[in-house]
Amino acid sequence: MSYEGYKEGRHKSKGGLIRSFVKLEGNQIEDIAFSGDFFLFPETAIEQIAQSLKGANATSDSVLFAVRSVYESEGITAPGTAPEDFTTSIMQAVES
């Protein structure tokens, strides 16, 4: 996948590096993708996090709320990686 037109953020959590690729439309997240060396269980959780963020306001509070909601609804286990870590990575991208 080409990330042309996307902004990139990086955050090193205790569980690994989180790279966020964010495409904005105004102050909303139009598209988002992740890579890195972190682990989430179930494995489909990263796609659900990305889906929950599409259309969200690109603010720290909105992003954290969306990520936390998926963590809770899906019962995500992520050794060393919390919703706040994803939020930090995403907001670095948004603010770059």
PDB file of N, CA and C in Angstrom:
ATOM      1  N   MET A   1       0.848  -1.190   0.000  1.00  0.00           N
ATOM      2  CA  MET A   1       0.000   0.000   0.000  1.00  0.00           C
ATOM      3  C   MET A   1       0.883   1.239   0.000  1.00  0.00           C
ATOM      4  N   SER A   2       0.508   2.213  -0.810  1.00  0.00           N
ATOM      5  CA  SER A   2       1.209   3.490  -0.857  1.00  0.00           C
ATOM      6  C   SER A   2       0.591   4.438   0.174  1.00  0.00           C
ATOM      7  N   TYR A   3       1.452   5.096   0.920  1.00  0.00           N
ATOM      8  CA  TYR A   3       0.959   6.040   1.922  1.00  0.00           C
ATOM      9  C   TYR A   3       1.169   7.480   1.488  1.00  0.00           C
ATOM     10  N   GLU A   4       1.163   7.723   0.182  1.00  0.00           N
ATOM     11  CA  GLU A   4       1.286   9.078  -0.336  1.00  0.00           C
ATOM     12  C   GLU A   4       0.058   9.877   0.107  1.00  0.00           C
ATOM     13  N   GLY A   5       0.290  11.060   0.635  1.00  0.00           N
ATOM     14  CA  GLY A   5      -0.806  11.888   1.128  1.00  0.00           C
ATOM     15  C   GLY A   5      -1.172  11.606   2.579  1.00  0.00           C
ATOM     16  N   TYR A   6      -0.488  10.656   3.193  1.00  0.00           N
ATOM     17  CA  TYR A   6      -0.715  10.314   4.595  1.00  0.00           C
ATOM     18  C   TYR A   6       0.360  10.966   5.451  1.00  0.00           C
ATOM     19  N   LYS A   7       0.015  11.264   6.686  1.00  0.00           N
ATOM     20  CA  LYS A   7       0.978  11.747   7.660  1.00  0.00           C
ATOM     21  C   LYS A   7       1.372  10.559   8.535  1.00  0.00           C
ATOM     22  N   GLU A   8       2.627  10.548   8.980  1.00  0.00           N
ATOM     23  CA  GLU A   8       3.106   9.416   9.770  1.00  0.00           C
ATOM     24  C   GLU A   8       3.459   9.830  11.186  1.00  0.00           C
ATOM     25  N   GLY A   9       3.067   8.986  12.129  1.00  0.00           N
ATOM     26  CA  GLY A   9       3.450   9.159  13.521  1.00  0.00           C
ATOM     27  C   GLY A   9       4.062   7.880  14.039  1.00  0.00           C
ATOM     28  N   ARG A  10       4.977   8.008  14.988  1.00  0.00           N
ATOM     29  CA  ARG A  10       5.638   6.840  15.586  1.00  0.00           C
ATOM     30  C   ARG A  10       5.651   6.986  17.100  1.00  0.00           C
ATOM     31  N   HIS A  11       5.405   5.872  17.756  1.00  0.00           N
ATOM     32  CA  HIS A  11       5.484   5.870  19.216  1.00  0.00           C
ATOM     33  C   HIS A  11       5.987   4.510  19.658  1.00  0.00           C
ATOM     34  N   LYS A  12       6.983   4.508  20.523  1.00  0.00           N
ATOM     35  CA  LYS A  12       7.531   3.263  21.058  1.00  0.00           C
ATOM     36  C   LYS A  12       6.884   2.997  22.408  1.00  0.00           C
ATOM     37  N   SER A  13       5.979   2.010  22.425  1.00  0.00           N
ATOM     38  CA  SER A  13       5.354   1.604  23.683  1.00  0.00           C
ATOM     39  C   SER A  13       6.209   0.509  24.304  1.00  0.00           C
ATOM     40  N   LYS A  14       5.878   0.103  25.510  1.00  0.00           N
ATOM     41  CA  LYS A  14       6.593  -1.014  26.138  1.00  0.00           C
ATOM     42  C   LYS A  14       6.427  -2.290  25.317  1.00  0.00           C
ATOM     43  N   GLY A  15       5.309  -2.381  24.588  1.00  0.00           N
ATOM     44  CA  GLY A  15       5.016  -3.578  23.791  1.00  0.00           C
ATOM     45  C   GLY A  15       5.548  -3.531  22.374  1.00  0.00           C
ATOM     46  N   GLY A  16       6.122  -2.406  21.953  1.00  0.00           N
ATOM     47  CA  GLY A  16       6.688  -2.321  20.611  1.00  0.00           C
ATOM     48  C   GLY A  16       6.392  -1.000  19.940  1.00  0.00           C
ATOM     49  N   LEU A  17       6.930  -0.852  18.742  1.00  0.00           N
ATOM     50  CA  LEU A  17       6.766   0.366  17.962  1.00  0.00           C
ATOM     51  C   LEU A  17       5.397   0.376  17.284  1.00  0.00           C
ATOM     52  N   ILE A  18       4.707   1.514  17.381  1.00  0.00           N
ATOM     53  CA  ILE A  18       3.422   1.714  16.692  1.00  0.00           C
ATOM     54  C   ILE A  18       3.648   2.813  15.662  1.00  0.00           C
ATOM     55  N   ARG A  19       3.458   2.479  14.394  1.00  0.00           N
ATOM     56  CA  ARG A  19       3.517   3.474  13.318  1.00  0.00           C
ATOM     57  C   ARG A  19       2.097   3.703  12.830  1.00  0.00           C
ATOM     58  N   SER A  20       1.699   4.956  12.786  1.00  0.00           N
ATOM     59  CA  SER A  20       0.357   5.336  12.324  1.00  0.00           C
ATOM     60  C   SER A  20       0.485   6.125  11.032  1.00  0.00           C
ATOM     61  N   PHE A  21      -0.338   5.788  10.070  1.00  0.00           N
ATOM     62  CA  PHE A  21      -0.404   6.498   8.801  1.00  0.00           C
ATOM     63  C   PHE A  21      -1.811   7.072   8.701  1.00  0.00           C
ATOM     64  N   VAL A  22      -1.917   8.389   8.738  1.00  0.00           N
ATOM     65  CA  VAL A  22      -3.211   9.057   8.847  1.00  0.00           C
ATOM     66  C   VAL A  22      -3.436   9.973   7.642  1.00  0.00           C
ATOM     67  N   LYS A  23      -4.608   9.838   7.033  1.00  0.00           N
ATOM     68  CA  LYS A  23      -5.025  10.744   5.955  1.00  0.00           C
ATOM     69  C   LYS A  23      -6.179  11.566   6.503  1.00  0.00           C
ATOM     70  N   LEU A  24      -6.025  12.877   6.448  1.00  0.00           N
ATOM     71  CA  LEU A  24      -7.019  13.783   7.024  1.00  0.00           C
ATOM     72  C   LEU A  24      -7.876  14.422   5.935  1.00  0.00           C
ATOM     73  N   GLU A  25      -9.106  14.679   6.298  1.00  0.00           N
ATOM     74  CA  GLU A  25     -10.018  15.493   5.487  1.00  0.00           C
ATOM     75  C   GLU A  25     -10.500  16.573   6.439  1.00  0.00           C
ATOM     76  N   GLY A  26      -9.898  17.759   6.327  1.00  0.00           N
ATOM     77  CA  GLY A  26     -10.186  18.804   7.315  1.00  0.00           C
ATOM     78  C   GLY A  26      -9.646  18.367   8.657  1.00  0.00           C
ATOM     79  N   ASN A  27     -10.523  18.348   9.665  1.00  0.00           N
ATOM     80  CA  ASN A  27     -10.119  17.916  11.006  1.00  0.00           C
ATOM     81  C   ASN A  27     -10.662  16.524  11.326  1.00  0.00           C
ATOM     82  N   GLN A  28     -10.925  15.729  10.295  1.00  0.00           N
ATOM     83  CA  GLN A  28     -11.414  14.370  10.510  1.00  0.00           C
ATOM     84  C   GLN A  28     -10.460  13.357   9.885  1.00  0.00           C
ATOM     85  N   ILE A  29     -10.413  12.187  10.483  1.00  0.00           N
ATOM     86  CA  ILE A  29      -9.589  11.103   9.951  1.00  0.00           C
ATOM     87  C   ILE A  29     -10.359  10.450   8.806  1.00  0.00           C
ATOM     88  N   GLU A  30      -9.814  10.583   7.597  1.00  0.00           N
ATOM     89  CA  GLU A  30     -10.442   9.974   6.421  1.00  0.00           C
ATOM     90  C   GLU A  30     -10.053   8.506   6.301  1.00  0.00           C
ATOM     91  N   ASP A  31      -8.766   8.221   6.568  1.00  0.00           N
ATOM     92  CA  ASP A  31      -8.265   6.852   6.492  1.00  0.00           C
ATOM     93  C   ASP A  31      -7.100   6.731   7.453  1.00  0.00           C
ATOM     94  N   ILE A  32      -6.859   5.507   7.917  1.00  0.00           N
ATOM     95  CA  ILE A  32      -5.763   5.272   8.858  1.00  0.00           C
ATOM     96  C   ILE A  32      -5.296   3.833   8.723  1.00  0.00           C
ATOM     97  N   ALA A  33      -4.001   3.640   8.885  1.00  0.00           N
ATOM     98  CA  ALA A  33      -3.419   2.301   8.870  1.00  0.00           C
ATOM     99  C   ALA A  33      -2.296   2.260   9.898  1.00  0.00           C
ATOM    100  N   PHE A  34      -1.976   1.059  10.328  1.00  0.00           N
ATOM    101  CA  PHE A  34      -0.941   0.870  11.349  1.00  0.00           C
ATOM    102  C   PHE A  34       0.062  -0.176  10.892  1.00  0.00           C
ATOM    103  N   SER A  35       1.295  -0.007  11.382  1.00  0.00           N
ATOM    104  CA  SER A  35       2.296  -1.057  11.259  1.00  0.00           C
ATOM    105  C   SER A  35       3.173  -0.974  12.499  1.00  0.00           C
ATOM    106  N   GLY A  36       4.061  -1.929  12.654  1.00  0.00           N
ATOM    107  CA  GLY A  36       4.955  -1.916  13.801  1.00  0.00           C
ATOM    108  C   GLY A  36       5.215  -3.315  14.295  1.00  0.00           C
ATOM    109  N   ASP A  37       5.796  -3.388  15.479  1.00  0.00           N
ATOM    110  CA  ASP A  37       6.138  -4.697  16.040  1.00  0.00           C
ATOM    111  C   ASP A  37       5.434  -4.957  17.372  1.00  0.00           C
ATOM    112  N   PHE A  38       4.222  -4.446  17.506  1.00  0.00           N
ATOM    113  CA  PHE A  38       3.390  -4.661  18.692  1.00  0.00           C
ATOM    114  C   PHE A  38       2.470  -5.857  18.431  1.00  0.00           C
ATOM    115  N   PHE A  39       1.858  -6.375  19.489  1.00  0.00           N
ATOM    116  CA  PHE A  39       0.930  -7.499  19.365  1.00  0.00           C
ATOM    117  C   PHE A  39      -0.420  -7.139  19.970  1.00  0.00           C
ATOM    118  N   LEU A  40      -1.480  -7.493  19.259  1.00  0.00           N
ATOM    119  CA  LEU A  40      -2.845  -7.332  19.751  1.00  0.00           C
ATOM    120  C   LEU A  40      -3.566  -8.657  19.568  1.00  0.00           C
ATOM    121  N   PHE A  41      -4.372  -9.017  20.526  1.00  0.00           N
ATOM    122  CA  PHE A  41      -5.208 -10.217  20.420  1.00  0.00           C
ATOM    123  C   PHE A  41      -6.632  -9.833  20.759  1.00  0.00           C
ATOM    124  N   PRO A  42      -7.630 -10.152  19.976  1.00  0.00           N
ATOM    125  CA  PRO A  42      -7.523 -10.958  18.756  1.00  0.00           C
ATOM    126  C   PRO A  42      -6.796 -10.194  17.655  1.00  0.00           C
ATOM    127  N   GLU A  43      -6.253 -10.929  16.687  1.00  0.00           N
ATOM    128  CA  GLU A  43      -5.451 -10.332  15.626  1.00  0.00           C
ATOM    129  C   GLU A  43      -6.243  -9.360  14.756  1.00  0.00           C
ATOM    130  N   THR A  44      -7.545  -9.540  14.671  1.00  0.00           N
ATOM    131  CA  THR A  44      -8.379  -8.649  13.860  1.00  0.00           C
ATOM    132  C   THR A  44      -8.627  -7.304  14.549  1.00  0.00           C
ATOM    133  N   ALA A  45      -8.185  -7.165  15.770  1.00  0.00           N
ATOM    134  CA  ALA A  45      -8.457  -5.953  16.550  1.00  0.00           C
ATOM    135  C   ALA A  45      -7.886  -4.699  15.899  1.00  0.00           C
ATOM    136  N   ILE A  46      -6.726  -4.803  15.259  1.00  0.00           N
ATOM    137  CA  ILE A  46      -6.122  -3.613  14.655  1.00  0.00           C
ATOM    138  C   ILE A  46      -7.006  -3.068  13.539  1.00  0.00           C
ATOM    139  N   GLU A  47      -7.646  -3.948  12.779  1.00  0.00           N
ATOM    140  CA  GLU A  47      -8.557  -3.499  11.725  1.00  0.00           C
ATOM    141  C   GLU A  47      -9.793  -2.835  12.326  1.00  0.00           C
ATOM    142  N   GLN A  48     -10.253  -3.356  13.450  1.00  0.00           N
ATOM    143  CA  GLN A  48     -11.419  -2.762  14.112  1.00  0.00           C
ATOM    144  C   GLN A  48     -11.077  -1.398  14.696  1.00  0.00           C
ATOM    145  N   ILE A  49      -9.862  -1.240  15.212  1.00  0.00           N
ATOM    146  CA  ILE A  49      -9.433   0.066  15.707  1.00  0.00           C
ATOM    147  C   ILE A  49      -9.401   1.064  14.550  1.00  0.00           C
ATOM    148  N   ALA A  50      -8.800   0.657  13.434  1.00  0.00           N
ATOM    149  CA  ALA A  50      -8.726   1.543  12.267  1.00  0.00           C
ATOM    150  C   ALA A  50     -10.121   1.930  11.789  1.00  0.00           C
ATOM    151  N   GLN A  51     -11.022   0.960  11.718  1.00  0.00           N
ATOM    152  CA  GLN A  51     -12.381   1.233  11.248  1.00  0.00           C
ATOM    153  C   GLN A  51     -13.097   2.211  12.178  1.00  0.00           C
ATOM    154  N   SER A  52     -12.877   2.065  13.484  1.00  0.00           N
ATOM    155  CA  SER A  52     -13.551   2.940  14.448  1.00  0.00           C
ATOM    156  C   SER A  52     -13.059   4.383  14.355  1.00  0.00           C
ATOM    157  N   LEU A  53     -11.867   4.578  13.816  1.00  0.00           N
ATOM    158  CA  LEU A  53     -11.291   5.924  13.734  1.00  0.00           C
ATOM    159  C   LEU A  53     -11.661   6.662  12.452  1.00  0.00           C
ATOM    160  N   LYS A  54     -12.112   5.949  11.436  1.00  0.00           N
ATOM    161  CA  LYS A  54     -12.477   6.603  10.181  1.00  0.00           C
ATOM    162  C   LYS A  54     -13.689   7.495  10.408  1.00  0.00           C
ATOM    163  N   GLY A  55     -13.528   8.767  10.093  1.00  0.00           N
ATOM    164  CA  GLY A  55     -14.582   9.751  10.302  1.00  0.00           C
ATOM    165  C   GLY A  55     -14.525  10.428  11.654  1.00  0.00           C
ATOM    166  N   ALA A  56     -13.638   9.961  12.531  1.00  0.00           N
ATOM    167  CA  ALA A  56     -13.516  10.565  13.868  1.00  0.00           C
ATOM    168  C   ALA A  56     -12.807  11.912  13.776  1.00  0.00           C
ATOM    169  N   ASN A  57     -13.124  12.796  14.705  1.00  0.00           N
ATOM    170  CA  ASN A  57     -12.390  14.055  14.808  1.00  0.00           C
ATOM    171  C   ASN A  57     -10.943  13.748  15.158  1.00  0.00           C
ATOM    172  N   ALA A  58     -10.032  14.487  14.572  1.00  0.00           N
ATOM    173  CA  ALA A  58      -8.605  14.271  14.791  1.00  0.00           C
ATOM    174  C   ALA A  58      -8.136  15.029  16.023  1.00  0.00           C
ATOM    175  N   THR A  59      -8.790  14.749  17.153  1.00  0.00           N
ATOM    176  CA  THR A  59      -8.386  15.336  18.433  1.00  0.00           C
ATOM    177  C   THR A  59      -7.990  14.204  19.364  1.00  0.00           C
ATOM    178  N   SER A  60      -7.148  14.516  20.312  1.00  0.00           N
ATOM    179  CA  SER A  60      -6.665  13.506  21.250  1.00  0.00           C
ATOM    180  C   SER A  60      -7.821  12.823  21.986  1.00  0.00           C
ATOM    181  N   ASP A  61      -8.787  13.604  22.445  1.00  0.00           N
ATOM    182  CA  ASP A  61      -9.916  13.037  23.194  1.00  0.00           C
ATOM    183  C   ASP A  61     -10.758  12.096  22.331  1.00  0.00           C
ATOM    184  N   SER A  62     -11.042  12.496  21.090  1.00  0.00           N
ATOM    185  CA  SER A  62     -11.858  11.662  20.199  1.00  0.00           C
ATOM    186  C   SER A  62     -11.138  10.372  19.830  1.00  0.00           C
ATOM    187  N   VAL A  63      -9.851  10.485  19.548  1.00  0.00           N
ATOM    188  CA  VAL A  63      -9.057   9.310  19.182  1.00  0.00           C
ATOM    189  C   VAL A  63      -8.974   8.343  20.356  1.00  0.00           C
ATOM    190  N   LEU A  64      -8.660   8.857  21.537  1.00  0.00           N
ATOM    191  CA  LEU A  64      -8.554   7.997  22.719  1.00  0.00           C
ATOM    192  C   LEU A  64      -9.881   7.309  23.013  1.00  0.00           C
ATOM    193  N   PHE A  65     -10.988   8.031  22.903  1.00  0.00           N
ATOM    194  CA  PHE A  65     -12.307   7.450  23.137  1.00  0.00           C
ATOM    195  C   PHE A  65     -12.571   6.293  22.164  1.00  0.00           C
ATOM    196  N   ALA A  66     -12.274   6.503  20.884  1.00  0.00           N
ATOM    197  CA  ALA A  66     -12.523   5.467  19.872  1.00  0.00           C
ATOM    198  C   ALA A  66     -11.667   4.225  20.129  1.00  0.00           C
ATOM    199  N   VAL A  67     -10.394   4.427  20.415  1.00  0.00           N
ATOM    200  CA  VAL A  67      -9.495   3.287  20.642  1.00  0.00           C
ATOM    201  C   VAL A  67      -9.889   2.547  21.918  1.00  0.00           C
ATOM    202  N   ARG A  68     -10.166   3.278  22.984  1.00  0.00           N
ATOM    203  CA  ARG A  68     -10.589   2.635  24.245  1.00  0.00           C
ATOM    204  C   ARG A  68     -11.866   1.830  24.052  1.00  0.00           C
ATOM    205  N   SER A  69     -12.799   2.361  23.275  1.00  0.00           N
ATOM    206  CA  SER A  69     -14.070   1.673  23.039  1.00  0.00           C
ATOM    207  C   SER A  69     -13.845   0.317  22.381  1.00  0.00           C
ATOM    208  N   VAL A  70     -12.932   0.264  21.416  1.00  0.00           N
ATOM    209  CA  VAL A  70     -12.639  -1.017  20.748  1.00  0.00           C
ATOM    210  C   VAL A  70     -11.919  -1.957  21.710  1.00  0.00           C
ATOM    211  N   TYR A  71     -10.965  -1.444  22.476  1.00  0.00           N
ATOM    212  CA  TYR A  71     -10.282  -2.278  23.476  1.00  0.00           C
ATOM    213  C   TYR A  71     -11.315  -2.948  24.382  1.00  0.00           C
ATOM    214  N   GLU A  72     -12.284  -2.171  24.850  1.00  0.00           N
ATOM    215  CA  GLU A  72     -13.283  -2.700  25.785  1.00  0.00           C
ATOM    216  C   GLU A  72     -14.263  -3.642  25.099  1.00  0.00           C
ATOM    217  N   SER A  73     -14.796  -3.255  23.946  1.00  0.00           N
ATOM    218  CA  SER A  73     -15.817  -4.076  23.289  1.00  0.00           C
ATOM    219  C   SER A  73     -15.255  -5.384  22.755  1.00  0.00           C
ATOM    220  N   GLU A  74     -13.982  -5.395  22.366  1.00  0.00           N
ATOM    221  CA  GLU A  74     -13.379  -6.595  21.791  1.00  0.00           C
ATOM    222  C   GLU A  74     -12.557  -7.384  22.807  1.00  0.00           C
ATOM    223  N   GLY A  75     -12.432  -6.873  24.023  1.00  0.00           N
ATOM    224  CA  GLY A  75     -11.632  -7.562  25.039  1.00  0.00           C
ATOM    225  C   GLY A  75     -10.185  -7.720  24.599  1.00  0.00           C
ATOM    226  N   ILE A  76      -9.619  -6.669  24.054  1.00  0.00           N
ATOM    227  CA  ILE A  76      -8.268  -6.725  23.500  1.00  0.00           C
ATOM    228  C   ILE A  76      -7.235  -6.968  24.595  1.00  0.00           C
ATOM    229  N   THR A  77      -6.332  -7.884  24.301  1.00  0.00           N
ATOM    230  CA  THR A  77      -5.142  -8.111  25.103  1.00  0.00           C
ATOM    231  C   THR A  77      -3.975  -7.622  24.274  1.00  0.00           C
ATOM    232  N   ALA A  78      -3.206  -6.705  24.836  1.00  0.00           N
ATOM    233  CA  ALA A  78      -2.091  -6.109  24.103  1.00  0.00           C
ATOM    234  C   ALA A  78      -0.939  -5.896  25.073  1.00  0.00           C
ATOM    235  N   PRO A  79      -0.065  -6.898  25.210  1.00  0.00           N
ATOM    236  CA  PRO A  79       1.031  -6.785  26.173  1.00  0.00           C
ATOM    237  C   PRO A  79       1.877  -5.531  25.953  1.00  0.00           C
ATOM    238  N   GLY A  80       1.838  -4.620  26.919  1.00  0.00           N
ATOM    239  CA  GLY A  80       2.668  -3.426  26.876  1.00  0.00           C
ATOM    240  C   GLY A  80       2.179  -2.312  25.960  1.00  0.00           C
ATOM    241  N   THR A  81       0.974  -2.464  25.389  1.00  0.00           N
ATOM    242  CA  THR A  81       0.450  -1.450  24.473  1.00  0.00           C
ATOM    243  C   THR A  81      -0.972  -1.090  24.889  1.00  0.00           C
ATOM    244  N   ALA A  82      -1.180   0.170  25.241  1.00  0.00           N
ATOM    245  CA  ALA A  82      -2.465   0.654  25.741  1.00  0.00           C
ATOM    246  C   ALA A  82      -3.093   1.621  24.728  1.00  0.00           C
ATOM    247  N   PRO A  83      -4.384   1.925  24.896  1.00  0.00           N
ATOM    248  CA  PRO A  83      -5.024   2.906  24.018  1.00  0.00           C
ATOM    249  C   PRO A  83      -4.265   4.239  23.959  1.00  0.00           C
ATOM    250  N   GLU A  84      -3.673   4.636  25.064  1.00  0.00           N
ATOM    251  CA  GLU A  84      -2.918   5.897  25.108  1.00  0.00           C
ATOM    252  C   GLU A  84      -1.708   5.849  24.165  1.00  0.00           C
ATOM    253  N   ASP A  85      -1.114   4.662  23.995  1.00  0.00           N
ATOM    254  CA  ASP A  85       0.024   4.524  23.084  1.00  0.00           C
ATOM    255  C   ASP A  85      -0.405   4.735  21.631  1.00  0.00           C
ATOM    256  N   PHE A  86      -1.547   4.161  21.256  1.00  0.00           N
ATOM    257  CA  PHE A  86      -2.064   4.389  19.911  1.00  0.00           C
ATOM    258  C   PHE A  86      -2.386   5.869  19.716  1.00  0.00           C
ATOM    259  N   THR A  87      -2.991   6.474  20.721  1.00  0.00           N
ATOM    260  CA  THR A  87      -3.354   7.889  20.632  1.00  0.00           C
ATOM    261  C   THR A  87      -2.122   8.760  20.425  1.00  0.00           C
ATOM    262  N   THR A  88      -1.052   8.475  21.140  1.00  0.00           N
ATOM    263  CA  THR A  88       0.185   9.241  20.989  1.00  0.00           C
ATOM    264  C   THR A  88       0.720   9.139  19.563  1.00  0.00           C
ATOM    265  N   SER A  89       0.752   7.935  19.018  1.00  0.00           N
ATOM    266  CA  SER A  89       1.234   7.720  17.660  1.00  0.00           C
ATOM    267  C   SER A  89       0.356   8.452  16.639  1.00  0.00           C
ATOM    268  N   ILE A  90      -0.943   8.329  16.792  1.00  0.00           N
ATOM    269  CA  ILE A  90      -1.882   8.961  15.867  1.00  0.00           C
ATOM    270  C   ILE A  90      -1.767  10.476  15.929  1.00  0.00           C
ATOM    271  N   MET A  91      -1.704  11.027  17.124  1.00  0.00           N
ATOM    272  CA  MET A  91      -1.639  12.484  17.261  1.00  0.00           C
ATOM    273  C   MET A  91      -0.308  13.039  16.748  1.00  0.00           C
ATOM    274  N   GLN A  92       0.767  12.265  16.837  1.00  0.00           N
ATOM    275  CA  GLN A  92       2.033  12.692  16.228  1.00  0.00           C
ATOM    276  C   GLN A  92       1.844  12.855  14.726  1.00  0.00           C
ATOM    277  N   ALA A  93       1.127  11.908  14.122  1.00  0.00           N
ATOM    278  CA  ALA A  93       0.860  12.000  12.681  1.00  0.00           C
ATOM    279  C   ALA A  93       0.006  13.212  12.368  1.00  0.00           C
ATOM    280  N   VAL A  94      -1.057  13.386  13.119  1.00  0.00           N
ATOM    281  CA  VAL A  94      -1.987  14.488  12.871  1.00  0.00           C
ATOM    282  C   VAL A  94      -1.262  15.831  12.985  1.00  0.00           C
ATOM    283  N   GLU A  95      -0.391  15.956  13.943  1.00  0.00           N
ATOM    284  CA  GLU A  95       0.273  17.229  14.232  1.00  0.00           C
ATOM    285  C   GLU A  95       1.543  17.448  13.418  1.00  0.00           C
ATOM    286  N   SER A  96       1.924  16.463  12.603  1.00  0.00           N
ATOM    287  CA  SER A  96       3.181  16.603  11.827  1.00  0.00           C
ATOM    288  C   SER A  96       2.992  17.482  10.601  1.00  0.00           C
TER     289      SER A  96
END
